[in-house]
Amino acid sequence: MPDGSRTAILYVSHLVTPATVWNYLLLQRSVKAGQTLCWVCQGEAARRRLAALRINTFPLTPSLLQRWHPVMNGYGLVPGNCHVPTLSFSRRYPHDYYWFVEYDVRYTGAWTEVFALGRASEADLIAAFVEAPFHDPTWDHWDSIRLPHPKRARSFNPIRRVSHRLLRAVASLLARDYWAHNEALLASTCRHEGWEMQDLNALSRARRGTPIYTPAPNADAPSTLNYRPVQSTVWQAQRHRLYHPVKPLRWFQRRFGALKGVWEAFAHRG
């Protein structure tokens, strides 16, 4: 990454809990010169709680999301619209690069180790499970792809870094009524443009000789980055690995109820 480039780190969480605040504080420790950390939140109650903690926020207000509705699949970030927060932020606060970190991503080491991988790369997309070309028939979102070019690629994006020029290219596609689930949209756009994509594991092996998420060294090993199953902690987890999804207690309680949620969180310790 060129000297002097500016990087935003966007921590995206609709939940404000002890676990999510702690994860934000861990990220805050990693911020270096030229980096900006911001909590992307939803809901006025969440914004007020974060303001009381003096946390820098970028609220995804209903009116802001409404402006994006014409180029979204549905009206929420899920499924597949998780490029919208970064696009919105980049229009108001332009940077050269943008990290996107979902609230249920954990790293069992210092976050400086993760972001150091980006400082060594000028890639327009850094993510997990980068596949180009991409032909997996079991992927659930093939029907979502409406792109003007045939080249397909895919990445798994609960944590990723994108360049400003990639966001501009994506915004141009959306403005012309094209769309795809963000796992295909970002990577396929990169592949079509001939821009560099790098896998987090490839960067990690080059820098320190070990992967930063499993599967490693082959796809048959248990993965630490998944869509499901959920877990509630990374206690006793392998060190210096990325994990997803690691949900806070509040998530379990909202899903299963106050008492059963405690039990489910205990049962999904990982």
Protein backbone atom coordinates (compact mmCIF):
# COMPACT_ATOMS: atom_id res chain seq x y z
CA MET A 1 0.00 0.00 0.00
CA PRO A 2 1.51 3.36 -0.96
CA ASP A 3 2.88 5.57 1.81
CA GLY A 4 0.36 8.21 2.85
CA SER A 5 -2.73 6.24 1.85
CA ARG A 6 -5.69 6.72 4.14
CA THR A 7 -7.63 3.76 5.49
CA ALA A 8 -11.01 3.61 7.23
CA ILE A 9 -11.87 0.73 9.55
CA LEU A 10 -15.64 0.26 9.72
CA TYR A 11 -16.93 -1.84 12.61
CA VAL A 12 -20.52 -2.74 11.77
CA SER A 13 -22.92 -3.65 14.59
CA HIS A 14 -26.57 -3.00 15.29
CA LEU A 15 -26.04 -4.37 18.82
CA VAL A 16 -24.41 -2.37 21.60
CA THR A 17 -23.44 -4.89 24.27
CA PRO A 18 -20.44 -5.41 26.54
CA ALA A 19 -19.08 -7.93 24.02
CA THR A 20 -19.44 -5.68 20.97
CA VAL A 21 -18.03 -2.65 22.80
CA TRP A 22 -15.07 -4.75 23.97
CA ASN A 23 -14.43 -5.89 20.42
CA TYR A 24 -14.50 -2.26 19.27
CA LEU A 25 -11.98 -1.31 21.96
CA LEU A 26 -9.68 -4.09 20.77
CA LEU A 27 -9.90 -2.64 17.27
CA GLN A 28 -9.24 0.83 18.66
CA ARG A 29 -5.93 -0.33 20.10
CA SER A 30 -4.79 -1.24 16.58
CA VAL A 31 -5.43 2.14 14.93
CA LYS A 32 -2.31 3.67 13.43
CA ALA A 33 -1.51 6.99 11.81
CA GLY A 34 -3.57 7.43 8.63
CA GLN A 35 -6.35 5.14 9.87
CA THR A 36 -9.87 6.10 10.94
CA LEU A 37 -12.04 3.81 13.10
CA CYS A 38 -15.81 4.23 13.01
CA TRP A 39 -18.73 2.21 14.39
CA VAL A 40 -21.47 1.81 11.76
CA CYS A 41 -24.69 1.52 13.76
CA GLN A 42 -28.43 1.30 13.17
CA GLY A 43 -31.15 2.71 15.40
CA GLU A 44 -31.35 5.90 17.45
CA ALA A 45 -30.99 4.02 20.74
CA ALA A 46 -27.71 2.49 19.59
CA ARG A 47 -26.43 5.87 18.40
CA ARG A 48 -27.24 7.49 21.78
CA ARG A 49 -25.52 4.73 23.76
CA LEU A 50 -22.41 4.98 21.60
CA ALA A 51 -22.39 8.78 21.85
CA ALA A 52 -22.41 8.44 25.65
CA LEU A 53 -19.30 6.26 25.31
CA ARG A 54 -17.70 8.88 23.03
CA ILE A 55 -17.42 6.39 20.20
CA ASN A 56 -17.17 7.75 16.67
CA THR A 57 -20.24 6.56 14.74
CA PHE A 58 -21.66 6.50 11.25
CA PRO A 59 -25.42 5.95 11.69
CA LEU A 60 -27.27 4.04 9.00
CA THR A 61 -30.48 5.99 9.50
CA PRO A 62 -33.78 4.94 7.89
CA SER A 63 -33.61 7.96 5.58
CA LEU A 64 -30.07 7.09 4.49
CA LEU A 65 -30.99 3.47 3.74
CA GLN A 66 -34.11 4.63 1.93
CA ARG A 67 -31.94 6.51 -0.56
CA TRP A 68 -30.21 3.21 -1.38
CA HIS A 69 -33.42 1.15 -1.68
CA PRO A 70 -33.62 1.48 -5.49
CA VAL A 71 -30.28 -0.35 -5.83
CA MET A 72 -30.78 -2.88 -3.02
CA ASN A 73 -32.20 -6.38 -2.91
CA GLY A 74 -34.95 -5.76 -0.36
CA TYR A 75 -34.73 -3.08 2.30
CA GLY A 76 -32.13 -4.42 4.75
CA LEU A 77 -28.44 -5.20 4.69
CA VAL A 78 -29.24 -8.92 4.62
CA PRO A 79 -29.24 -10.69 2.26
CA GLY A 80 -26.38 -9.45 0.16
CA ASN A 81 -26.48 -5.66 0.64
CA CYS A 82 -23.52 -5.36 3.01
CA HIS A 83 -21.64 -3.24 0.47
CA VAL A 84 -24.08 -0.40 1.18
CA PRO A 85 -22.53 0.79 4.49
CA THR A 86 -19.09 1.11 2.90
CA LEU A 87 -20.49 2.85 -0.18
CA SER A 88 -22.42 5.29 2.02
CA PHE A 89 -19.43 6.03 4.22
CA SER A 90 -17.09 6.48 1.25
CA ARG A 91 -19.31 9.14 -0.31
CA ARG A 92 -19.24 11.26 2.83
CA TYR A 93 -15.72 10.43 4.03
CA PRO A 94 -13.48 9.40 1.10
CA HIS A 95 -10.46 7.23 1.94
CA ASP A 96 -8.13 5.17 -0.21
CA TYR A 97 -9.10 1.86 1.42
CA TYR A 98 -11.90 0.62 3.68
CA TRP A 99 -11.83 -2.31 6.07
CA PHE A 100 -15.26 -3.76 6.89
CA VAL A 101 -15.47 -5.82 10.10
CA GLU A 102 -18.75 -7.36 11.18
CA TYR A 103 -19.52 -7.37 14.89
CA ASP A 104 -19.40 -11.18 15.05
CA VAL A 105 -15.84 -11.44 13.71
CA ARG A 106 -13.20 -12.14 16.35
CA TYR A 107 -9.44 -12.33 16.09
CA THR A 108 -7.53 -14.31 18.72
CA GLY A 109 -4.51 -12.05 18.61
CA ALA A 110 -3.79 -8.34 18.23
CA TRP A 111 -5.79 -6.70 15.44
CA THR A 112 -2.62 -4.91 14.38
CA GLU A 113 -1.55 -8.27 12.91
CA VAL A 114 -4.61 -8.33 10.65
CA PHE A 115 -4.36 -4.75 9.45
CA ALA A 116 -0.63 -5.13 8.85
CA LEU A 117 -1.54 -7.55 6.05
CA GLY A 118 -3.31 -4.70 4.28
CA ARG A 119 -0.40 -2.32 4.64
CA ALA A 120 1.69 -4.78 2.65
CA SER A 121 -0.79 -4.92 -0.25
CA GLU A 122 -2.22 -2.62 -2.91
CA ALA A 123 -4.97 -5.13 -3.78
CA ASP A 124 -8.41 -3.70 -4.50
CA LEU A 125 -10.04 -6.53 -2.57
CA ILE A 126 -8.69 -8.48 0.41
CA ALA A 127 -11.02 -11.11 1.83
CA ALA A 128 -11.37 -14.79 2.76
CA PHE A 129 -12.02 -17.69 0.39
CA VAL A 130 -11.27 -15.63 -2.73
CA GLU A 131 -12.17 -17.77 -5.74
CA ALA A 132 -11.65 -16.67 -9.34
CA PRO A 133 -13.04 -18.12 -11.47
CA PHE A 134 -15.95 -19.29 -9.36
CA HIS A 135 -18.11 -22.27 -10.29
CA ASP A 136 -19.39 -23.74 -6.99
CA PRO A 137 -22.94 -25.00 -7.73
CA THR A 138 -23.76 -25.21 -4.00
CA TRP A 139 -23.47 -21.45 -3.46
CA ASP A 140 -26.91 -20.17 -2.45
CA HIS A 141 -26.96 -16.88 -4.34
CA TRP A 142 -26.36 -17.68 -8.01
CA ASP A 143 -29.84 -16.36 -8.91
CA SER A 144 -28.90 -12.97 -7.49
CA ILE A 145 -26.27 -12.24 -10.13
CA ARG A 146 -27.32 -9.62 -12.68
CA LEU A 147 -24.04 -8.30 -14.03
CA PRO A 148 -23.15 -7.09 -17.53
CA HIS A 149 -20.04 -9.23 -17.81
CA PRO A 150 -19.57 -13.03 -17.71
CA LYS A 151 -16.54 -13.24 -15.44
CA ARG A 152 -17.48 -14.61 -12.02
CA ALA A 153 -15.55 -14.52 -8.78
CA ARG A 154 -16.51 -14.82 -5.15
CA SER A 155 -15.17 -13.98 -1.70
CA PHE A 156 -16.44 -14.46 1.86
CA ASN A 157 -16.81 -10.99 3.31
CA PRO A 158 -17.52 -10.71 7.06
CA ILE A 159 -14.08 -9.09 7.13
CA ARG A 160 -12.67 -7.50 4.00
CA ARG A 161 -10.79 -4.53 2.65
CA VAL A 162 -11.83 -2.72 -0.53
CA SER A 163 -10.31 0.16 -2.46
CA HIS A 164 -12.06 3.41 -3.28
CA ARG A 165 -11.87 2.71 -7.01
CA LEU A 166 -13.58 -0.67 -6.50
CA LEU A 167 -16.42 1.10 -4.68
CA ARG A 168 -16.72 3.58 -7.54
CA ALA A 169 -16.98 0.71 -10.04
CA VAL A 170 -19.62 -1.02 -7.92
CA ALA A 171 -21.60 2.21 -7.56
CA SER A 172 -21.55 2.59 -11.36
CA LEU A 173 -22.96 -0.92 -11.79
CA LEU A 174 -25.71 -0.31 -9.26
CA ALA A 175 -26.65 2.98 -10.93
CA ARG A 176 -27.17 1.06 -14.18
CA ASP A 177 -29.56 -1.38 -12.45
CA TYR A 178 -27.10 -4.26 -12.07
CA TRP A 179 -26.79 -6.16 -8.82
CA ALA A 180 -25.35 -9.29 -7.19
CA HIS A 181 -24.94 -10.58 -3.66
CA ASN A 182 -21.92 -8.74 -2.25
CA GLU A 183 -19.90 -11.99 -2.13
CA ALA A 184 -20.05 -12.05 -5.93
CA LEU A 185 -20.44 -8.33 -6.63
CA LEU A 186 -17.11 -7.17 -5.21
CA ALA A 187 -14.98 -10.05 -6.47
CA SER A 188 -16.61 -10.29 -9.91
CA THR A 189 -16.14 -6.56 -10.45
CA CYS A 190 -12.47 -6.88 -9.53
CA ARG A 191 -12.01 -9.81 -11.88
CA HIS A 192 -13.77 -8.04 -14.76
CA GLU A 193 -11.63 -4.92 -14.32
CA GLY A 194 -8.43 -6.95 -14.05
CA TRP A 195 -7.71 -5.58 -10.59
CA GLU A 196 -5.82 -7.48 -7.93
CA MET A 197 -7.56 -9.60 -5.33
CA GLN A 198 -5.75 -11.26 -2.45
CA ASP A 199 -6.82 -13.88 0.05
CA LEU A 200 -6.16 -13.16 3.72
CA ASN A 201 -4.49 -16.53 4.08
CA ALA A 202 -2.13 -15.90 1.16
CA LEU A 203 -1.09 -12.58 2.69
CA SER A 204 -0.68 -14.15 6.12
CA ARG A 205 1.44 -17.02 4.85
CA ALA A 206 3.66 -14.60 2.93
CA ARG A 207 4.12 -12.34 5.95
CA ARG A 208 4.39 -14.78 8.84
CA GLY A 209 4.37 -18.27 7.37
CA THR A 210 1.02 -19.33 8.86
CA PRO A 211 -2.65 -18.89 7.85
CA ILE A 212 -4.95 -16.44 9.56
CA TYR A 213 -8.06 -18.60 9.23
CA THR A 214 -8.65 -22.27 8.63
CA PRO A 215 -9.13 -24.36 6.48
CA ALA A 216 -5.42 -24.87 6.42
CA PRO A 217 -3.61 -26.39 4.68
CA ASN A 218 -6.56 -27.86 2.75
CA ALA A 219 -10.28 -27.38 2.37
CA ASP A 220 -11.07 -30.49 4.42
CA ALA A 221 -9.89 -28.94 7.68
CA PRO A 222 -12.52 -27.42 10.02
CA SER A 223 -13.09 -23.79 9.09
CA THR A 224 -12.94 -20.88 11.54
CA LEU A 225 -14.75 -18.54 9.12
CA ASN A 226 -18.26 -19.78 8.36
CA TYR A 227 -21.81 -18.60 7.80
CA ARG A 228 -22.98 -21.15 10.39
CA PRO A 229 -22.85 -22.64 13.03
CA VAL A 230 -22.72 -19.78 15.51
CA GLN A 231 -20.62 -19.77 18.65
CA SER A 232 -20.62 -17.51 21.69
CA THR A 233 -16.94 -17.29 22.64
CA VAL A 234 -13.43 -17.86 21.36
CA TRP A 235 -12.13 -19.00 24.72
CA GLN A 236 -9.59 -21.77 24.26
CA ALA A 237 -9.68 -21.17 20.50
CA GLN A 238 -6.55 -21.44 18.40
CA ARG A 239 -4.45 -18.30 18.67
CA HIS A 240 -3.89 -15.84 15.84
CA ARG A 241 -6.98 -16.94 13.91
CA LEU A 242 -10.05 -15.14 12.60
CA TYR A 243 -13.41 -16.56 13.73
CA HIS A 244 -16.96 -15.97 12.48
CA PRO A 245 -19.78 -15.97 13.54
CA VAL A 246 -19.19 -15.30 17.25
CA LYS A 247 -22.44 -13.87 18.61
CA PRO A 248 -22.88 -11.90 21.85
CA LEU A 249 -25.30 -13.07 24.53
CA ARG A 250 -27.87 -10.50 23.42
CA TRP A 251 -28.12 -12.19 20.02
CA PHE A 252 -28.98 -15.54 21.64
CA GLN A 253 -31.51 -13.93 23.96
CA ARG A 254 -33.25 -12.12 21.12
CA ARG A 255 -33.44 -15.36 19.17
CA PHE A 256 -34.37 -17.80 21.95
CA GLY A 257 -35.66 -15.68 24.84
CA ALA A 258 -34.00 -14.34 27.97
CA LEU A 259 -33.46 -17.60 29.87
CA LYS A 260 -33.15 -20.06 27.00
CA GLY A 261 -30.78 -17.64 25.30
CA VAL A 262 -28.34 -17.96 28.20
CA TRP A 263 -28.43 -21.73 27.87
CA GLU A 264 -27.98 -21.61 24.09
CA ALA A 265 -25.01 -19.26 24.44
CA PHE A 266 -23.47 -21.67 26.96
CA ALA A 267 -24.13 -24.60 24.63
CA HIS A 268 -22.47 -22.82 21.68
CA ARG A 269 -19.19 -21.92 23.33
CA GLY A 270 -17.29 -23.23 20.30
